[in-house]
Amino acid sequence: MEFHLINEKNIKKVESLWDYCFEKKDSFFFKWYFGKYCLKQNAVLGGFHKQGVLATMVHCNPYTLKLRGIDVPTSYLVGVATDPAARGKRVTKDLFEMAFAILKAQGKFVVILMPEHAGVYLPYQFSFVYFKRRYDLPLRALSFGEADDSIELMRVENTNDFTEFNSLYRNFMHKYNGYVIRSDREWSNFFDVFCHENGETVVAYRGNTPVGYMLYQRLNKVFKIVEITYNDAEVKNCFLRYARQHIAQCDKLEWLAEADDLTFLHFSDQSYCGSSFPFMMARIIDVRKALELLPLNSEDSEGSFSILLTDNLVKSNNVLLQVDIRNNSIKLEDTFNLPDIEMDIGSFTQLYFGQFSLSELVAEGLVAVHSSEAERLMTDILPKCTNYINEYY
């Protein structure tokens, strides 16, 4: 198998494999993606047979995450596909090994991915770091608080200025971890596709001040909330009331809300209270860099411990490190000491993102801890967080 970064000379082979595995060539998204995005904003790695046949591919879409308070460049891996004639021959493993090596050389230490089927990616030690609360209920059953007459809603049909949206988005996201920092590029890409896929927008105001927005679709009698931001519960309730007022046009509500959403507390029927939904996976590809860049915010977190990390795919991540914490910084050294903490790269990724605490991973048998002092230090530098992400490509 030979791997090459795709260029205009072989993009048609990528289009053909995408058409076979995902959207068809006559769909809007296909035309937009290959007309405005692919190779212009991202990079594509392809694996070829000696005859020049494209066997497998991965698209590396650039984003920046706000992860534990720092801006982290990442690649969102999409379009992971293998020609059916090459499936079952371990080409995906080789594809990821090459992709991770390239991305690591570019200075990235983490990648993200939304799986259609998690079982495809678990063997490569991707792990879930983002969850959502999934609501699926009759629109008539939607409950909300009392009306706030100080809030006015305005539908927005077209926009090329994303300043207001980005301000509301950043204000809403400040309490979350792992969200995407959106520039005009991300907003423009989103609205290009969203508006052509029957997307609609409503903005909430108190006086002249915007206090939230809701992005939604009405398809096949389903009112689907795509994204919602709000300054307070009254604004959210106003949006939900607005949604319910579409009962003449829609029968059902679908909404992947943030993981800590508590709207269900207002529901009188517990069967509509939703469930936790695994949403997106991630994978650390450079352990040393991840730890070295980790911001520390407590002078009380001082000490050292040894950690053994194992990685089945990235050989340089198989390390036994002495982690020395002093003066709000981390120093790493290779060591031959017995490990105080042991885990694989999947668990380390979940711990680094803060999706689960160290004690939760230990209780699940995914992490071994042999020192209470090491457990205290690791918990101090990698506390649990509430994560949020809402990007789909």
Protein backbone atom coordinates (compact mmCIF):
# COMPACT_ATOMS: atom_id res chain seq x y z
CA MET A 1 0.00 0.00 0.00
CA GLU A 2 1.33 3.43 -0.97
CA PHE A 3 0.04 6.56 0.78
CA HIS A 4 -0.15 9.98 -0.81
CA LEU A 5 -1.76 13.29 -0.01
CA ILE A 6 -4.50 13.82 -2.55
CA ASN A 7 -4.18 16.59 -5.14
CA GLU A 8 -6.25 17.79 -8.07
CA LYS A 9 -4.82 15.01 -10.25
CA ASN A 10 -6.42 12.22 -8.24
CA ILE A 11 -9.36 13.99 -6.55
CA LYS A 12 -11.79 12.22 -8.91
CA LYS A 13 -10.90 8.91 -7.27
CA VAL A 14 -11.76 10.40 -3.89
CA GLU A 15 -15.06 11.70 -5.23
CA SER A 16 -15.91 8.26 -6.57
CA LEU A 17 -15.21 6.53 -3.24
CA TRP A 18 -17.17 9.23 -1.35
CA ASP A 19 -20.12 8.75 -3.73
CA TYR A 20 -20.00 5.00 -3.08
CA CYS A 21 -19.80 5.28 0.73
CA PHE A 22 -21.53 8.56 1.63
CA GLU A 23 -23.49 11.28 -0.18
CA LYS A 24 -24.15 10.84 -3.88
CA LYS A 25 -22.63 13.11 -6.51
CA ASP A 26 -25.93 14.84 -7.25
CA SER A 27 -26.56 15.84 -3.60
CA PHE A 28 -26.02 19.41 -2.46
CA PHE A 29 -23.51 18.48 0.23
CA PHE A 30 -21.35 16.51 -2.21
CA LYS A 31 -21.27 19.43 -4.65
CA TRP A 32 -20.52 21.94 -1.89
CA TYR A 33 -17.88 19.79 -0.20
CA PHE A 34 -15.90 19.02 -3.33
CA GLY A 35 -16.52 22.42 -4.87
CA LYS A 36 -15.72 24.70 -1.92
CA TYR A 37 -14.08 22.69 0.85
CA CYS A 38 -12.10 19.61 -0.14
CA LEU A 39 -8.40 20.40 -0.81
CA LYS A 40 -9.17 24.11 -0.50
CA GLN A 41 -9.62 24.03 3.27
CA ASN A 42 -8.50 20.54 4.27
CA ALA A 43 -6.10 17.74 3.38
CA VAL A 44 -6.93 14.20 2.26
CA LEU A 45 -4.71 11.16 2.70
CA GLY A 46 -5.24 8.27 0.32
CA GLY A 47 -3.93 4.71 0.31
CA PHE A 48 -3.36 3.26 -3.17
CA HIS A 49 -2.74 -0.19 -4.55
CA LYS A 50 0.25 -0.49 -6.87
CA GLN A 51 -2.13 -0.32 -9.81
CA GLY A 52 -3.11 3.21 -8.71
CA VAL A 53 -6.52 2.18 -7.36
CA LEU A 54 -7.65 4.20 -4.32
CA ALA A 55 -8.24 1.64 -1.57
CA THR A 56 -8.78 3.82 1.50
CA MET A 57 -8.90 7.47 2.54
CA VAL A 58 -9.28 9.91 5.42
CA HIS A 59 -10.10 13.62 5.23
CA CYS A 60 -8.37 15.84 7.81
CA ASN A 61 -10.50 18.91 8.46
CA PRO A 62 -8.78 21.68 10.47
CA TYR A 63 -10.34 23.05 13.66
CA THR A 64 -9.16 24.65 16.88
CA LEU A 65 -10.49 23.38 20.21
CA LYS A 66 -10.65 25.31 23.45
CA LEU A 67 -9.35 22.42 25.54
CA ARG A 68 -8.64 22.94 29.23
CA GLY A 69 -8.34 26.67 28.62
CA ILE A 70 -5.84 26.57 25.76
CA ASP A 71 -6.27 26.77 21.98
CA VAL A 72 -5.48 23.35 20.54
CA PRO A 73 -5.21 22.84 16.76
CA THR A 74 -6.75 19.54 15.77
CA SER A 75 -7.91 17.59 12.76
CA TYR A 76 -11.48 16.40 12.59
CA LEU A 77 -11.23 13.08 10.73
CA VAL A 78 -14.13 12.60 8.32
CA GLY A 79 -14.75 10.55 5.22
CA VAL A 80 -12.89 7.53 6.59
CA ALA A 81 -13.68 4.98 3.90
CA THR A 82 -12.31 1.81 2.35
CA ASP A 83 -13.20 0.40 -1.03
CA PRO A 84 -15.20 -2.81 -0.44
CA ALA A 85 -12.62 -4.76 -2.46
CA ALA A 86 -9.96 -3.80 0.11
CA ARG A 87 -11.97 -4.31 3.30
CA GLY A 88 -10.83 -6.88 5.83
CA LYS A 89 -7.15 -6.41 4.88
CA ARG A 90 -6.09 -4.08 7.74
CA VAL A 91 -5.71 -1.09 5.43
CA THR A 92 -7.48 1.20 7.92
CA LYS A 93 -4.78 0.49 10.51
CA ASP A 94 -2.07 1.46 8.02
CA LEU A 95 -4.09 4.54 7.03
CA PHE A 96 -4.35 5.77 10.61
CA GLU A 97 -0.68 5.09 11.31
CA MET A 98 0.34 7.25 8.35
CA ALA A 99 -2.23 9.97 9.10
CA PHE A 100 -1.16 10.22 12.74
CA ALA A 101 2.51 10.45 11.74
CA ILE A 102 1.76 13.34 9.37
CA LEU A 103 -0.44 15.19 11.84
CA LYS A 104 2.04 14.69 14.66
CA ALA A 105 4.79 16.13 12.44
CA GLN A 106 2.54 19.16 11.92
CA GLY A 107 2.51 19.73 15.68
CA LYS A 108 -0.93 18.33 16.48
CA PHE A 109 -1.35 16.08 19.50
CA VAL A 110 -5.02 15.12 19.25
CA VAL A 111 -7.61 14.22 16.61
CA ILE A 112 -11.41 14.01 16.82
CA LEU A 113 -13.89 11.85 14.96
CA MET A 114 -17.65 11.24 14.86
CA PRO A 115 -18.29 7.52 14.37
CA GLU A 116 -21.20 6.03 12.53
CA HIS A 117 -20.33 2.81 14.34
CA ALA A 118 -17.99 3.03 17.33
CA GLY A 119 -16.83 -0.56 16.89
CA VAL A 120 -14.89 0.43 13.79
CA TYR A 121 -12.69 2.84 15.79
CA LEU A 122 -12.41 1.27 19.23
CA PRO A 123 -9.69 -1.16 18.04
CA TYR A 124 -7.62 1.90 17.09
CA GLN A 125 -8.12 3.27 20.62
CA PHE A 126 -10.40 6.15 19.83
CA SER A 127 -12.62 6.79 22.84
CA PHE A 128 -15.77 8.80 23.50
CA VAL A 129 -15.07 12.21 25.04
CA TYR A 130 -18.29 14.02 24.11
CA PHE A 131 -21.81 13.00 25.09
CA LYS A 132 -25.17 14.68 24.57
CA ARG A 133 -28.66 14.36 25.95
CA ARG A 134 -30.89 13.00 23.20
CA TYR A 135 -34.53 14.06 23.21
CA ASP A 136 -37.09 12.38 20.95
CA LEU A 137 -40.67 13.15 21.95
CA PRO A 138 -44.03 14.31 20.64
CA LEU A 139 -43.91 18.06 20.09
CA ARG A 140 -47.14 18.43 22.07
CA ALA A 141 -45.41 16.94 25.11
CA LEU A 142 -42.73 19.63 25.19
CA SER A 143 -42.83 21.47 28.53
CA PHE A 144 -41.32 24.80 29.50
CA GLY A 145 -41.50 27.47 32.17
CA GLU A 146 -43.54 30.65 32.38
CA ALA A 147 -43.43 33.12 29.49
CA ASP A 148 -41.03 36.05 29.74
CA ASP A 149 -42.60 38.98 27.92
CA SER A 150 -39.34 40.90 27.89
CA ILE A 151 -37.96 38.48 25.27
CA GLU A 152 -38.76 38.96 21.59
CA LEU A 153 -37.93 36.51 18.82
CA MET A 154 -36.92 37.39 15.29
CA ARG A 155 -36.48 34.96 12.42
CA VAL A 156 -33.35 35.51 10.33
CA GLU A 157 -33.46 34.35 6.72
CA ASN A 158 -30.08 35.42 5.35
CA THR A 159 -26.86 36.61 6.92
CA ASN A 160 -23.26 37.19 5.93
CA ASP A 161 -22.28 38.80 9.22
CA PHE A 162 -21.56 36.24 11.92
CA THR A 163 -20.40 38.66 14.60
CA GLU A 164 -23.61 38.41 16.62
CA PHE A 165 -23.82 34.64 16.33
CA ASN A 166 -20.20 34.18 17.36
CA SER A 167 -20.60 36.47 20.36
CA LEU A 168 -23.62 34.49 21.57
CA TYR A 169 -21.83 31.21 20.88
CA ARG A 170 -18.70 32.19 22.80
CA ASN A 171 -20.76 33.52 25.71
CA PHE A 172 -22.68 30.23 25.90
CA MET A 173 -19.54 28.10 25.58
CA HIS A 174 -17.47 29.73 28.32
CA LYS A 175 -18.64 27.12 30.86
CA TYR A 176 -17.77 24.18 28.61
CA ASN A 177 -14.58 22.36 27.68
CA GLY A 178 -13.44 21.08 24.30
CA TYR A 179 -15.63 23.31 22.14
CA VAL A 180 -14.61 24.50 18.68
CA ILE A 181 -13.36 28.06 18.35
CA ARG A 182 -15.31 29.26 15.33
CA SER A 183 -13.94 31.85 12.94
CA ASP A 184 -15.85 33.36 10.02
CA ARG A 185 -14.63 30.38 8.00
CA GLU A 186 -16.42 27.87 10.21
CA TRP A 187 -19.56 29.99 10.42
CA SER A 188 -19.66 30.54 6.66
CA ASN A 189 -19.14 26.84 5.94
CA PHE A 190 -21.88 25.92 8.39
CA PHE A 191 -24.47 28.35 7.02
CA ASP A 192 -23.65 27.46 3.40
CA VAL A 193 -24.78 23.90 4.06
CA PHE A 194 -27.36 24.58 6.77
CA CYS A 195 -29.40 27.03 4.68
CA HIS A 196 -29.45 24.71 1.67
CA GLU A 197 -30.64 21.83 3.86
CA ASN A 198 -33.78 23.66 4.99
CA GLY A 199 -32.11 25.23 7.99
CA GLU A 200 -33.92 28.06 9.75
CA THR A 201 -32.77 30.55 12.38
CA VAL A 202 -34.45 32.53 15.14
CA VAL A 203 -32.69 35.03 17.42
CA ALA A 204 -33.90 36.17 20.86
CA TYR A 205 -33.61 39.78 22.05
CA ARG A 206 -34.15 41.64 25.29
CA GLY A 207 -34.68 45.12 24.01
CA ASN A 208 -31.91 45.62 21.46
CA THR A 209 -29.59 43.07 23.08
CA PRO A 210 -29.32 39.60 21.52
CA VAL A 211 -29.55 36.91 24.21
CA GLY A 212 -29.59 33.66 22.23
CA TYR A 213 -30.26 31.91 18.95
CA MET A 214 -31.82 28.64 17.80
CA LEU A 215 -30.93 26.84 14.59
CA TYR A 216 -33.50 24.28 13.51
CA GLN A 217 -34.99 22.28 10.64
CA ARG A 218 -38.54 21.19 9.83
CA LEU A 219 -38.32 17.95 7.88
CA ASN A 220 -40.87 15.15 7.51
CA LYS A 221 -43.04 16.61 10.30
CA VAL A 222 -40.08 16.67 12.69
CA PHE A 223 -38.92 19.85 14.42
CA LYS A 224 -35.18 19.28 14.84
CA ILE A 225 -33.15 21.63 17.01
CA VAL A 226 -29.67 21.74 15.47
CA GLU A 227 -28.08 24.21 17.91
CA ILE A 228 -29.34 26.48 20.65
CA THR A 229 -27.57 29.07 22.79
CA TYR A 230 -29.09 31.19 25.51
CA ASN A 231 -28.09 33.58 28.28
CA ASP A 232 -30.49 32.08 30.83
CA ALA A 233 -33.30 29.55 31.29
CA GLU A 234 -35.99 32.08 30.34
CA VAL A 235 -34.46 32.45 26.89
CA LYS A 236 -34.27 28.67 26.43
CA ASN A 237 -37.91 28.32 27.51
CA CYS A 238 -38.88 30.96 24.98
CA PHE A 239 -37.22 28.96 22.20
CA LEU A 240 -38.93 25.74 23.32
CA ARG A 241 -42.28 27.51 23.40
CA TYR A 242 -41.57 28.71 19.86
CA ALA A 243 -40.81 25.12 18.83
CA ARG A 244 -44.03 23.79 20.35
CA GLN A 245 -46.06 26.36 18.45
CA HIS A 246 -45.24 24.42 15.29
CA ILE A 247 -47.58 21.57 16.29
CA ALA A 248 -49.76 22.22 13.24
CA GLN A 249 -46.74 21.48 11.02
CA CYS A 250 -44.68 19.01 13.05
CA ASP A 251 -45.49 15.98 15.18
CA LYS A 252 -42.15 15.32 16.88
CA LEU A 253 -39.20 17.08 18.46
CA GLU A 254 -35.63 15.85 17.98
CA TRP A 255 -32.80 17.53 19.86
CA LEU A 256 -29.25 16.56 20.77
CA ALA A 257 -28.80 18.94 23.69
CA GLU A 258 -25.69 19.64 25.70
CA ALA A 259 -24.86 16.82 28.12
CA ASP A 260 -25.78 18.84 31.21
CA ASP A 261 -29.12 20.08 29.90
CA LEU A 262 -31.89 19.90 32.51
CA THR A 263 -34.95 20.63 30.39
CA PHE A 264 -36.25 17.17 31.28
CA LEU A 265 -36.88 18.33 34.85
CA HIS A 266 -39.96 20.13 33.53
CA PHE A 267 -41.45 17.06 31.82
CA SER A 268 -44.47 15.40 33.40
CA ASP A 269 -43.88 12.13 31.52
CA GLN A 270 -40.56 10.54 32.45
CA SER A 271 -40.51 8.46 29.26
CA TYR A 272 -39.68 11.66 27.35
CA CYS A 273 -36.75 12.65 29.56
CA GLY A 274 -34.11 11.64 27.05
CA SER A 275 -30.92 9.65 27.43
CA SER A 276 -27.18 10.10 27.36
CA PHE A 277 -25.92 9.77 23.79
CA PRO A 278 -22.25 9.08 22.89
CA PHE A 279 -21.54 11.80 20.33
CA MET A 280 -17.89 12.16 19.38
CA MET A 281 -14.60 10.35 19.90
CA ALA A 282 -11.04 11.61 20.18
CA ARG A 283 -7.53 10.21 20.31
CA ILE A 284 -4.29 11.59 21.69
CA ILE A 285 -1.54 11.03 19.10
CA ASP A 286 1.34 12.71 20.99
CA VAL A 287 1.32 12.01 24.73
CA ARG A 288 4.42 14.02 25.56
CA LYS A 289 3.17 17.16 23.87
CA ALA A 290 -0.26 16.78 25.45
CA LEU A 291 1.25 16.69 28.93
CA GLU A 292 3.83 19.41 28.28
CA LEU A 293 1.16 21.85 27.07
CA LEU A 294 -1.27 21.06 29.87
CA PRO A 295 -2.03 24.30 31.74
CA LEU A 296 -1.81 24.14 35.53
CA ASN A 297 -3.74 26.49 37.78
CA SER A 298 -2.81 25.44 41.28
CA GLU A 299 0.47 25.95 43.10
CA ASP A 300 -0.68 23.26 45.53
CA SER A 301 -0.25 20.64 42.79
CA GLU A 302 3.43 19.94 43.34
CA GLY A 303 5.13 16.57 43.37
CA SER A 304 6.01 13.76 41.02
CA PHE A 305 4.74 10.38 39.93
CA SER A 306 5.48 7.80 37.25
CA ILE A 307 2.97 6.81 34.58
CA LEU A 308 2.96 3.91 32.13
CA LEU A 309 1.04 4.56 28.90
CA THR A 310 0.40 1.95 26.20
CA ASP A 311 -0.58 2.56 22.59
CA ASN A 312 -1.18 -0.20 20.05
CA LEU A 313 -0.83 2.12 17.04
CA VAL A 314 1.56 5.01 17.82
CA LYS A 315 4.76 3.40 19.05
CA SER A 316 6.19 6.66 20.46
CA ASN A 317 3.23 6.81 22.87
CA ASN A 318 4.39 3.65 24.63
CA VAL A 319 6.18 5.41 27.45
CA LEU A 320 7.08 5.13 31.10
CA LEU A 321 7.43 8.72 32.26
CA GLN A 322 8.34 10.50 35.45
CA VAL A 323 5.99 13.48 35.68
CA ASP A 324 7.45 16.28 37.79
CA ILE A 325 5.07 19.10 38.71
CA ARG A 326 6.64 22.33 39.97
CA ASN A 327 5.83 26.04 39.67
CA ASN A 328 2.70 25.44 37.58
CA SER A 329 4.63 23.52 34.94
CA ILE A 330 5.22 19.90 34.01
CA LYS A 331 8.59 18.32 33.29
CA LEU A 332 8.76 14.87 31.74
CA GLU A 333 11.59 12.38 31.90
CA ASP A 334 11.88 8.75 30.86
CA THR A 335 12.21 6.49 33.86
CA PHE A 336 12.75 2.89 34.89
CA ASN A 337 10.79 3.28 38.13
CA LEU A 338 7.78 1.10 38.71
CA PRO A 339 4.67 2.95 37.50
CA ASP A 340 2.38 4.68 39.98
CA ILE A 341 -0.38 4.85 37.35
CA GLU A 342 -1.05 2.61 34.32
CA MET A 343 -3.49 3.16 31.47
CA ASP A 344 -3.85 2.84 27.71
CA ILE A 345 -4.13 5.73 25.28
CA GLY A 346 -7.92 5.52 25.07
CA SER A 347 -8.36 6.04 28.81
CA PHE A 348 -5.69 8.75 28.81
CA THR A 349 -7.63 10.58 26.08
CA GLN A 350 -10.84 10.48 28.14
CA LEU A 351 -8.97 11.65 31.22
CA TYR A 352 -7.20 14.43 29.32
CA PHE A 353 -10.48 15.72 27.90
CA GLY A 354 -12.04 15.49 31.35
CA GLN A 355 -14.96 13.38 30.18
CA PHE A 356 -14.37 11.01 33.08
CA SER A 357 -12.50 11.48 36.33
CA LEU A 358 -9.54 9.34 37.30
CA SER A 359 -11.58 7.66 40.06
CA GLU A 360 -14.33 6.75 37.57
CA LEU A 361 -11.84 5.14 35.19
CA VAL A 362 -10.21 3.28 38.08
CA ALA A 363 -13.60 2.01 39.28
CA GLU A 364 -14.33 0.76 35.77
CA GLY A 365 -11.06 -1.18 35.71
CA LEU A 366 -9.62 0.92 32.88
CA VAL A 367 -6.84 2.54 34.92
CA ALA A 368 -4.58 1.07 37.61
CA VAL A 369 -3.34 3.31 40.42
CA HIS A 370 -0.65 2.13 42.85
CA SER A 371 -0.04 5.35 44.80
CA SER A 372 -2.52 7.60 46.59
CA GLU A 373 -0.18 10.59 46.12
CA ALA A 374 -0.01 9.94 42.38
CA GLU A 375 -3.81 9.67 42.30
CA ARG A 376 -4.11 13.04 44.06
CA LEU A 377 -1.69 14.76 41.69
CA MET A 378 -3.25 13.26 38.55
CA THR A 379 -6.71 14.29 39.74
CA ASP A 380 -5.46 17.83 40.43
CA ILE A 381 -3.93 18.35 36.99
CA LEU A 382 -6.68 16.57 35.01
CA PRO A 383 -10.00 17.32 36.76
CA LYS A 384 -13.33 16.28 35.30
CA CYS A 385 -14.97 18.74 32.87
CA THR A 386 -18.27 19.27 31.08
CA ASN A 387 -17.59 18.94 27.36
CA TYR A 388 -19.44 20.31 24.36
CA ILE A 389 -19.00 20.12 20.60
CA ASN A 390 -21.51 20.50 17.78
CA GLU A 391 -19.58 20.17 14.53
CA TYR A 392 -20.63 17.53 12.02
CA TYR A 393 -17.95 17.61 9.28
